[in-house]
Amino acid sequence: MKKDFIQQCMQETMSAAKSTIPINEFTMAFCSKCFNPDCTRSMHGDTKFDYRTQNWESILFKDAKIIDKTDPLFDQLTNPNFIPIGASPKKPKAPNKGFVSKEPKKKENKPIEIEKQEDLIEKTMMNTPLQEKIIIQDSEKDTEEITIKPGQTFKFGE
């Protein structure tokens, strides 16, 4: 059974403070923050935390607020668009109206005009990509092709 400890609390507080406080101000200042389970004026059992812990089942399960599935405000929650694992989300393509392509324009291949036979070899070498490896040989030494295997090291000039 709970008791009212207001006189005992006020006497201890007043003797320490050496002043007097009206009961209503004392109640607002001290009783509203007291958690003594045996006092009738304390906040023990009346806090928001106590309310949540005593009523969690009804708040979360029995009387829980449920959204209206036809409300367009909650459309993303009621009609989720789940993407399978490994699939990438498809983004809608933007219309091409008013947009300028950033891709470089392809140059048109124009035929090369050749006047002399010597120009033919020179211009062919300019336009032909290298397809075979080229070994540059030293004019003084005969060099061999050296194959370097993974993990090996070498030094130039040896």
N, C-alpha and C. Protein backbone atom coordinates (compact mmCIF):
# COMPACT_ATOMS: atom_id res chain seq x y z
N MET A 1 0.85 -1.18 0.00
CA MET A 1 0.00 0.00 0.00
C MET A 1 0.89 1.24 0.00
N LYS A 2 0.56 2.19 -0.88
CA LYS A 2 1.37 3.39 -1.01
C LYS A 2 1.03 4.41 0.07
N LYS A 3 2.03 5.19 0.45
CA LYS A 3 1.86 6.25 1.45
C LYS A 3 2.27 7.58 0.85
N ASP A 4 1.85 8.67 1.47
CA ASP A 4 2.23 10.00 1.03
C ASP A 4 3.44 10.44 1.84
N PHE A 5 4.58 10.62 1.22
CA PHE A 5 5.82 11.00 1.88
C PHE A 5 6.14 12.49 1.73
N ILE A 6 5.15 13.33 1.45
CA ILE A 6 5.39 14.75 1.18
C ILE A 6 6.02 15.47 2.36
N GLN A 7 5.54 15.20 3.60
CA GLN A 7 6.10 15.89 4.77
C GLN A 7 7.56 15.50 4.99
N GLN A 8 7.86 14.21 4.88
CA GLN A 8 9.23 13.75 5.09
C GLN A 8 10.16 14.35 4.03
N CYS A 9 9.74 14.35 2.78
CA CYS A 9 10.57 14.90 1.70
C CYS A 9 10.77 16.41 1.88
N MET A 10 9.70 17.11 2.27
CA MET A 10 9.81 18.56 2.43
C MET A 10 10.72 18.92 3.60
N GLN A 11 10.64 18.17 4.70
CA GLN A 11 11.50 18.45 5.85
C GLN A 11 12.97 18.26 5.49
N GLU A 12 13.29 17.16 4.80
CA GLU A 12 14.68 16.89 4.43
C GLU A 12 15.19 17.96 3.45
N THR A 13 14.36 18.34 2.50
CA THR A 13 14.77 19.33 1.49
C THR A 13 14.88 20.72 2.11
N MET A 14 13.92 21.10 2.97
CA MET A 14 13.94 22.44 3.58
C MET A 14 15.11 22.59 4.55
N SER A 15 15.43 21.55 5.29
CA SER A 15 16.55 21.66 6.23
C SER A 15 17.87 21.80 5.47
N ALA A 16 17.98 21.16 4.31
CA ALA A 16 19.20 21.28 3.52
C ALA A 16 19.26 22.64 2.84
N ALA A 17 18.12 23.16 2.37
CA ALA A 17 18.10 24.44 1.67
C ALA A 17 17.96 25.62 2.60
N LYS A 18 17.52 25.38 3.82
CA LYS A 18 17.31 26.41 4.84
C LYS A 18 16.34 27.49 4.36
N SER A 19 15.28 27.04 3.69
CA SER A 19 14.22 27.95 3.24
C SER A 19 12.93 27.17 3.14
N THR A 20 11.80 27.87 2.95
CA THR A 20 10.50 27.21 2.81
C THR A 20 9.97 27.40 1.40
N ILE A 21 9.26 26.36 0.92
CA ILE A 21 8.67 26.38 -0.43
C ILE A 21 7.21 25.95 -0.28
N PRO A 22 6.28 26.59 -0.98
CA PRO A 22 4.88 26.14 -0.92
C PRO A 22 4.75 24.71 -1.47
N ILE A 23 3.74 23.98 -1.00
CA ILE A 23 3.58 22.57 -1.36
C ILE A 23 3.38 22.39 -2.87
N ASN A 24 2.59 23.25 -3.50
CA ASN A 24 2.35 23.08 -4.95
C ASN A 24 3.63 23.27 -5.76
N GLU A 25 4.52 24.20 -5.37
CA GLU A 25 5.80 24.38 -6.06
C GLU A 25 6.73 23.21 -5.78
N PHE A 26 6.70 22.70 -4.54
CA PHE A 26 7.53 21.54 -4.19
C PHE A 26 7.10 20.32 -5.01
N THR A 27 5.78 20.14 -5.14
CA THR A 27 5.27 19.00 -5.91
C THR A 27 5.70 19.10 -7.37
N MET A 28 5.61 20.30 -7.93
CA MET A 28 6.01 20.49 -9.33
C MET A 28 7.52 20.28 -9.51
N ALA A 29 8.31 20.73 -8.52
CA ALA A 29 9.76 20.66 -8.65
C ALA A 29 10.31 19.27 -8.34
N PHE A 30 9.75 18.58 -7.33
CA PHE A 30 10.36 17.33 -6.86
C PHE A 30 9.51 16.10 -7.14
N CYS A 31 8.23 16.13 -6.83
CA CYS A 31 7.39 14.94 -6.98
C CYS A 31 7.24 14.52 -8.44
N SER A 32 7.27 15.50 -9.33
CA SER A 32 7.12 15.17 -10.76
C SER A 32 8.34 14.44 -11.31
N LYS A 33 9.45 14.45 -10.56
CA LYS A 33 10.68 13.77 -11.00
C LYS A 33 11.04 12.58 -10.11
N CYS A 34 10.25 12.35 -9.06
CA CYS A 34 10.53 11.28 -8.10
C CYS A 34 10.02 9.94 -8.62
N PHE A 35 10.77 8.88 -8.37
CA PHE A 35 10.37 7.54 -8.81
C PHE A 35 10.27 6.56 -7.64
N ASN A 36 9.93 7.07 -6.46
CA ASN A 36 9.76 6.21 -5.29
C ASN A 36 8.50 5.38 -5.48
N PRO A 37 8.63 4.05 -5.56
CA PRO A 37 7.45 3.22 -5.82
C PRO A 37 6.46 3.18 -4.66
N ASP A 38 6.87 3.60 -3.45
CA ASP A 38 5.98 3.54 -2.29
C ASP A 38 5.22 4.83 -2.06
N CYS A 39 5.53 5.93 -2.77
CA CYS A 39 4.88 7.22 -2.56
C CYS A 39 3.73 7.41 -3.54
N THR A 40 2.64 7.99 -3.04
CA THR A 40 1.47 8.22 -3.90
C THR A 40 1.67 9.39 -4.86
N ARG A 41 2.58 10.32 -4.55
CA ARG A 41 2.79 11.50 -5.39
C ARG A 41 3.90 11.31 -6.44
N SER A 42 4.64 10.25 -6.36
CA SER A 42 5.77 10.07 -7.28
C SER A 42 5.29 9.70 -8.68
N MET A 43 6.19 9.81 -9.65
CA MET A 43 5.88 9.50 -11.05
C MET A 43 6.09 8.02 -11.36
N HIS A 44 6.38 7.22 -10.36
CA HIS A 44 6.62 5.79 -10.58
C HIS A 44 5.39 5.15 -11.21
N GLY A 45 5.55 4.57 -12.37
CA GLY A 45 4.46 3.91 -13.07
C GLY A 45 3.64 4.83 -13.96
N ASP A 46 3.94 6.12 -13.98
CA ASP A 46 3.16 7.07 -14.79
C ASP A 46 3.95 7.67 -15.95
N THR A 47 5.14 7.17 -16.24
CA THR A 47 5.95 7.74 -17.31
C THR A 47 5.54 7.15 -18.66
N LYS A 48 5.99 7.78 -19.72
CA LYS A 48 5.72 7.28 -21.07
C LYS A 48 6.36 5.90 -21.25
N PHE A 49 7.53 5.71 -20.66
CA PHE A 49 8.20 4.42 -20.76
C PHE A 49 7.36 3.34 -20.09
N ASP A 50 6.83 3.63 -18.91
CA ASP A 50 5.97 2.66 -18.21
C ASP A 50 4.74 2.34 -19.05
N TYR A 51 4.15 3.35 -19.65
CA TYR A 51 2.97 3.13 -20.49
C TYR A 51 3.31 2.22 -21.67
N ARG A 52 4.43 2.48 -22.32
CA ARG A 52 4.82 1.65 -23.48
C ARG A 52 5.12 0.22 -23.06
N THR A 53 5.81 0.03 -21.93
CA THR A 53 6.14 -1.34 -21.51
C THR A 53 4.92 -2.10 -21.02
N GLN A 54 3.93 -1.40 -20.48
CA GLN A 54 2.72 -2.08 -20.00
C GLN A 54 1.74 -2.37 -21.14
N ASN A 55 1.79 -1.60 -22.23
CA ASN A 55 0.81 -1.72 -23.30
C ASN A 55 1.42 -2.07 -24.66
N TRP A 56 2.61 -2.63 -24.70
CA TRP A 56 3.29 -2.87 -25.96
C TRP A 56 2.53 -3.83 -26.87
N GLU A 57 1.89 -4.83 -26.30
CA GLU A 57 1.20 -5.82 -27.13
C GLU A 57 0.01 -5.21 -27.86
N SER A 58 -0.77 -4.41 -27.14
CA SER A 58 -1.93 -3.80 -27.80
C SER A 58 -1.49 -2.69 -28.77
N ILE A 59 -0.44 -1.95 -28.42
CA ILE A 59 0.03 -0.87 -29.31
C ILE A 59 0.58 -1.44 -30.61
N LEU A 60 1.36 -2.50 -30.52
CA LEU A 60 2.04 -3.03 -31.71
C LEU A 60 1.22 -4.06 -32.49
N PHE A 61 0.34 -4.80 -31.80
CA PHE A 61 -0.33 -5.90 -32.49
C PHE A 61 -1.86 -5.83 -32.49
N LYS A 62 -2.47 -5.62 -31.33
CA LYS A 62 -3.93 -5.70 -31.25
C LYS A 62 -4.61 -4.46 -31.81
N ASP A 63 -4.17 -3.27 -31.42
CA ASP A 63 -4.80 -2.03 -31.86
C ASP A 63 -3.89 -1.22 -32.80
N ALA A 64 -3.05 -1.90 -33.54
CA ALA A 64 -2.10 -1.20 -34.41
C ALA A 64 -2.83 -0.53 -35.56
N LYS A 65 -2.37 0.66 -35.93
CA LYS A 65 -2.96 1.38 -37.05
C LYS A 65 -2.45 0.75 -38.35
N ILE A 66 -3.36 0.45 -39.25
CA ILE A 66 -3.00 -0.20 -40.51
C ILE A 66 -3.31 0.78 -41.64
N ILE A 67 -2.38 0.85 -42.62
CA ILE A 67 -2.57 1.79 -43.73
C ILE A 67 -3.65 1.27 -44.68
N ASP A 68 -4.30 2.20 -45.37
CA ASP A 68 -5.30 1.86 -46.37
C ASP A 68 -4.58 1.49 -47.66
N LYS A 69 -4.78 0.27 -48.14
CA LYS A 69 -4.06 -0.21 -49.32
C LYS A 69 -4.47 0.49 -50.60
N THR A 70 -5.60 1.18 -50.60
CA THR A 70 -6.04 1.89 -51.80
C THR A 70 -5.57 3.34 -51.82
N ASP A 71 -4.97 3.80 -50.74
CA ASP A 71 -4.51 5.19 -50.65
C ASP A 71 -3.26 5.37 -51.51
N PRO A 72 -3.25 6.29 -52.49
CA PRO A 72 -2.09 6.47 -53.36
C PRO A 72 -0.86 7.00 -52.60
N LEU A 73 -1.08 7.56 -51.43
CA LEU A 73 0.04 8.06 -50.62
C LEU A 73 0.97 6.92 -50.20
N PHE A 74 0.41 5.73 -50.01
CA PHE A 74 1.18 4.58 -49.56
C PHE A 74 1.40 3.56 -50.67
N ASP A 75 1.38 4.00 -51.91
CA ASP A 75 1.50 3.10 -53.05
C ASP A 75 2.82 2.33 -53.06
N GLN A 76 3.92 2.99 -52.69
CA GLN A 76 5.22 2.31 -52.69
C GLN A 76 5.29 1.22 -51.62
N LEU A 77 4.52 1.36 -50.56
CA LEU A 77 4.52 0.35 -49.51
C LEU A 77 3.58 -0.81 -49.83
N THR A 78 2.43 -0.51 -50.41
CA THR A 78 1.45 -1.56 -50.69
C THR A 78 1.74 -2.32 -51.98
N ASN A 79 2.42 -1.71 -52.93
CA ASN A 79 2.75 -2.37 -54.20
C ASN A 79 4.25 -2.27 -54.47
N PRO A 80 5.06 -2.99 -53.72
CA PRO A 80 6.51 -2.87 -53.92
C PRO A 80 6.94 -3.53 -55.23
N ASN A 81 7.99 -2.99 -55.82
CA ASN A 81 8.53 -3.53 -57.07
C ASN A 81 9.86 -4.20 -56.74
N PHE A 82 9.81 -5.47 -56.35
CA PHE A 82 11.03 -6.18 -55.98
C PHE A 82 11.76 -6.64 -57.22
N ILE A 83 13.08 -6.50 -57.21
CA ILE A 83 13.92 -6.89 -58.34
C ILE A 83 14.62 -8.20 -57.96
N PRO A 84 14.60 -9.20 -58.84
CA PRO A 84 15.26 -10.46 -58.52
C PRO A 84 16.77 -10.27 -58.34
N ILE A 85 17.38 -11.15 -57.58
CA ILE A 85 18.83 -11.07 -57.34
C ILE A 85 19.55 -11.28 -58.66
N GLY A 86 20.52 -10.45 -58.94
CA GLY A 86 21.30 -10.55 -60.16
C GLY A 86 20.76 -9.72 -61.30
N ALA A 87 19.53 -9.25 -61.21
CA ALA A 87 18.96 -8.43 -62.27
C ALA A 87 19.22 -6.96 -61.95
N SER A 88 19.42 -6.19 -62.97
CA SER A 88 19.65 -4.76 -62.76
C SER A 88 18.33 -4.02 -62.98
N PRO A 89 18.13 -2.95 -62.22
CA PRO A 89 16.88 -2.21 -62.41
C PRO A 89 16.85 -1.55 -63.77
N LYS A 90 15.72 -1.61 -64.43
CA LYS A 90 15.59 -1.00 -65.75
C LYS A 90 15.18 0.45 -65.57
N LYS A 91 15.99 1.32 -66.12
CA LYS A 91 15.69 2.74 -66.04
C LYS A 91 14.96 3.16 -67.32
N PRO A 92 13.96 3.98 -67.19
CA PRO A 92 13.26 4.43 -68.42
C PRO A 92 14.18 5.30 -69.26
N LYS A 93 14.12 5.08 -70.55
CA LYS A 93 14.97 5.87 -71.45
C LYS A 93 14.35 7.24 -71.66
N ALA A 94 15.21 8.24 -71.63
CA ALA A 94 14.75 9.61 -71.85
C ALA A 94 14.53 9.83 -73.33
N PRO A 95 13.54 10.62 -73.69
CA PRO A 95 13.32 10.90 -75.11
C PRO A 95 14.49 11.71 -75.67
N ASN A 96 14.74 11.55 -76.96
CA ASN A 96 15.87 12.22 -77.59
C ASN A 96 15.56 13.65 -78.02
N LYS A 97 14.37 14.10 -77.81
CA LYS A 97 14.00 15.44 -78.24
C LYS A 97 14.75 16.47 -77.42
N GLY A 98 15.42 17.38 -78.09
CA GLY A 98 16.10 18.47 -77.42
C GLY A 98 17.47 18.12 -76.86
N PHE A 99 17.90 16.88 -77.01
CA PHE A 99 19.20 16.48 -76.48
C PHE A 99 20.21 16.37 -77.60
N VAL A 100 21.43 16.75 -77.30
CA VAL A 100 22.51 16.66 -78.28
C VAL A 100 23.40 15.50 -77.87
N SER A 101 23.75 14.66 -78.83
CA SER A 101 24.58 13.50 -78.55
C SER A 101 26.00 13.94 -78.21
N LYS A 102 26.58 13.31 -77.20
CA LYS A 102 27.96 13.63 -76.81
C LYS A 102 28.97 12.72 -77.50
N GLU A 103 28.49 11.79 -78.30
CA GLU A 103 29.38 10.87 -78.99
C GLU A 103 30.12 11.64 -80.09
N PRO A 104 31.43 11.38 -80.24
CA PRO A 104 32.16 12.08 -81.29
C PRO A 104 31.67 11.64 -82.67
N LYS A 105 31.66 12.58 -83.57
CA LYS A 105 31.23 12.27 -84.92
C LYS A 105 32.30 11.44 -85.62
N LYS A 106 31.85 10.44 -86.35
CA LYS A 106 32.79 9.58 -87.07
C LYS A 106 33.28 10.30 -88.32
N LYS A 107 34.59 10.19 -88.53
CA LYS A 107 35.16 10.79 -89.73
C LYS A 107 34.91 9.88 -90.92
N GLU A 108 34.60 10.50 -92.00
CA GLU A 108 34.38 9.72 -93.21
C GLU A 108 35.75 9.38 -93.82
N ASN A 109 35.89 8.14 -94.25
CA ASN A 109 37.14 7.71 -94.88
C ASN A 109 37.12 8.14 -96.35
N LYS A 110 38.03 9.05 -96.65
CA LYS A 110 38.13 9.51 -98.03
C LYS A 110 39.31 8.81 -98.68
N PRO A 111 39.21 8.48 -99.91
CA PRO A 111 40.34 7.83 -100.58
C PRO A 111 41.54 8.78 -100.68
N ILE A 112 42.74 8.20 -100.53
CA ILE A 112 43.97 8.99 -100.60
C ILE A 112 44.40 9.08 -102.06
N GLU A 113 44.73 10.27 -102.45
CA GLU A 113 45.21 10.46 -103.82
C GLU A 113 46.72 10.23 -103.83
N ILE A 114 47.20 9.38 -104.73
CA ILE A 114 48.62 9.04 -104.82
C ILE A 114 49.14 9.50 -106.18
N GLU A 115 50.22 10.29 -106.12
CA GLU A 115 50.80 10.79 -107.36
C GLU A 115 51.98 9.94 -107.82
N LYS A 116 52.83 9.49 -106.86
CA LYS A 116 54.02 8.73 -107.22
C LYS A 116 53.97 7.37 -106.54
N GLN A 117 54.76 6.43 -107.05
CA GLN A 117 54.84 5.08 -106.49
C GLN A 117 55.45 5.11 -105.09
N GLU A 118 56.42 6.03 -104.81
CA GLU A 118 57.05 6.12 -103.50
C GLU A 118 56.04 6.57 -102.44
N ASP A 119 55.12 7.45 -102.84
CA ASP A 119 54.10 7.92 -101.91
C ASP A 119 53.16 6.78 -101.48
N LEU A 120 52.99 5.80 -102.38
CA LEU A 120 52.12 4.69 -102.07
C LEU A 120 52.60 3.91 -100.85
N ILE A 121 53.89 3.61 -100.80
CA ILE A 121 54.46 2.85 -99.68
C ILE A 121 54.40 3.67 -98.40
N GLU A 122 54.75 4.94 -98.48
CA GLU A 122 54.77 5.80 -97.31
C GLU A 122 53.37 5.98 -96.72
N LYS A 123 52.39 6.25 -97.55
CA LYS A 123 51.03 6.47 -97.06
C LYS A 123 50.37 5.17 -96.61
N THR A 124 50.73 4.06 -97.19
CA THR A 124 50.20 2.77 -96.76
C THR A 124 50.71 2.43 -95.37
N MET A 125 51.99 2.71 -95.09
CA MET A 125 52.56 2.44 -93.77
C MET A 125 51.93 3.34 -92.72
N MET A 126 51.55 4.57 -93.08
CA MET A 126 50.92 5.47 -92.12
C MET A 126 49.54 4.97 -91.72
N ASN A 127 48.81 4.41 -92.65
CA ASN A 127 47.43 4.03 -92.40
C ASN A 127 47.25 2.56 -92.01
N THR A 128 48.32 1.77 -92.02
CA THR A 128 48.21 0.36 -91.71
C THR A 128 48.58 0.13 -90.24
N PRO A 129 47.68 -0.47 -89.45
CA PRO A 129 48.04 -0.75 -88.06
C PRO A 129 49.06 -1.88 -88.00
N LEU A 130 49.86 -1.86 -86.96
CA LEU A 130 50.87 -2.90 -86.78
C LEU A 130 50.19 -4.19 -86.37
N GLN A 131 50.47 -5.25 -87.12
CA GLN A 131 49.83 -6.52 -86.80
C GLN A 131 50.84 -7.54 -86.30
N GLU A 132 52.10 -7.33 -86.56
CA GLU A 132 53.13 -8.25 -86.09
C GLU A 132 54.08 -7.49 -85.19
N LYS A 133 54.76 -8.23 -84.30
CA LYS A 133 55.72 -7.57 -83.43
C LYS A 133 56.94 -7.15 -84.25
N ILE A 134 57.52 -6.03 -83.88
CA ILE A 134 58.68 -5.50 -84.57
C ILE A 134 59.87 -5.59 -83.64
N ILE A 135 60.96 -6.10 -84.15
CA ILE A 135 62.19 -6.16 -83.37
C ILE A 135 63.15 -5.14 -83.97
N ILE A 136 63.56 -4.21 -83.14
CA ILE A 136 64.51 -3.20 -83.59
C ILE A 136 65.90 -3.75 -83.31
N GLN A 137 66.68 -3.88 -84.36
CA GLN A 137 68.01 -4.47 -84.19
C GLN A 137 69.06 -3.39 -84.14
N ASP A 138 70.08 -3.67 -83.36
CA ASP A 138 71.23 -2.78 -83.27
C ASP A 138 72.08 -3.03 -84.51
N SER A 139 72.52 -1.96 -85.15
CA SER A 139 73.29 -2.11 -86.39
C SER A 139 74.63 -2.77 -86.13
N GLU A 140 75.24 -2.60 -84.95
CA GLU A 140 76.55 -3.16 -84.67
C GLU A 140 76.45 -4.62 -84.23
N LYS A 141 75.44 -5.00 -83.50
CA LYS A 141 75.33 -6.36 -82.96
C LYS A 141 74.17 -7.08 -83.61
N ASP A 142 74.30 -8.35 -83.70
CA ASP A 142 73.20 -9.19 -84.11
C ASP A 142 72.43 -9.55 -82.84
N THR A 143 71.19 -9.22 -82.76
CA THR A 143 70.46 -9.51 -81.53
C THR A 143 69.53 -10.68 -81.74
N GLU A 144 69.28 -11.36 -80.65
CA GLU A 144 68.36 -12.48 -80.68
C GLU A 144 67.05 -12.05 -80.01
N GLU A 145 66.01 -12.73 -80.37
CA GLU A 145 64.74 -12.45 -79.71
C GLU A 145 64.78 -13.10 -78.32
N ILE A 146 64.49 -12.32 -77.31
CA ILE A 146 64.55 -12.81 -75.93
C ILE A 146 63.11 -12.96 -75.44
N THR A 147 62.83 -14.10 -74.87
CA THR A 147 61.51 -14.33 -74.30
C THR A 147 61.64 -14.25 -72.78
N ILE A 148 60.81 -13.43 -72.19
CA ILE A 148 60.84 -13.26 -70.73
C ILE A 148 59.62 -13.96 -70.17
N LYS A 149 59.88 -14.86 -69.27
CA LYS A 149 58.79 -15.63 -68.65
C LYS A 149 58.29 -14.90 -67.41
N PRO A 150 57.07 -15.15 -66.99
CA PRO A 150 56.54 -14.50 -65.79
C PRO A 150 57.44 -14.77 -64.58
N GLY A 151 57.75 -13.72 -63.86
CA GLY A 151 58.59 -13.83 -62.67
C GLY A 151 60.06 -13.56 -62.93
N GLN A 152 60.50 -13.57 -64.22
CA GLN A 152 61.89 -13.32 -64.53
C GLN A 152 62.14 -11.81 -64.57
N THR A 153 63.42 -11.45 -64.39
CA THR A 153 63.83 -10.06 -64.50
C THR A 153 64.92 -9.93 -65.55
N PHE A 154 65.09 -8.73 -66.06
CA PHE A 154 66.15 -8.51 -67.04
C PHE A 154 66.62 -7.08 -66.89
N LYS A 155 67.79 -6.78 -67.49
CA LYS A 155 68.34 -5.44 -67.52
C LYS A 155 68.65 -5.09 -68.96
N PHE A 156 68.38 -3.84 -69.31
CA PHE A 156 68.68 -3.39 -70.66
C PHE A 156 70.20 -3.30 -70.84
N GLY A 157 70.67 -3.62 -72.02
CA GLY A 157 72.08 -3.49 -72.37
C GLY A 157 72.90 -4.71 -72.02
N GLU A 158 72.33 -5.76 -71.50
CA GLU A 158 73.11 -6.96 -71.17
C GLU A 158 72.83 -8.05 -72.14
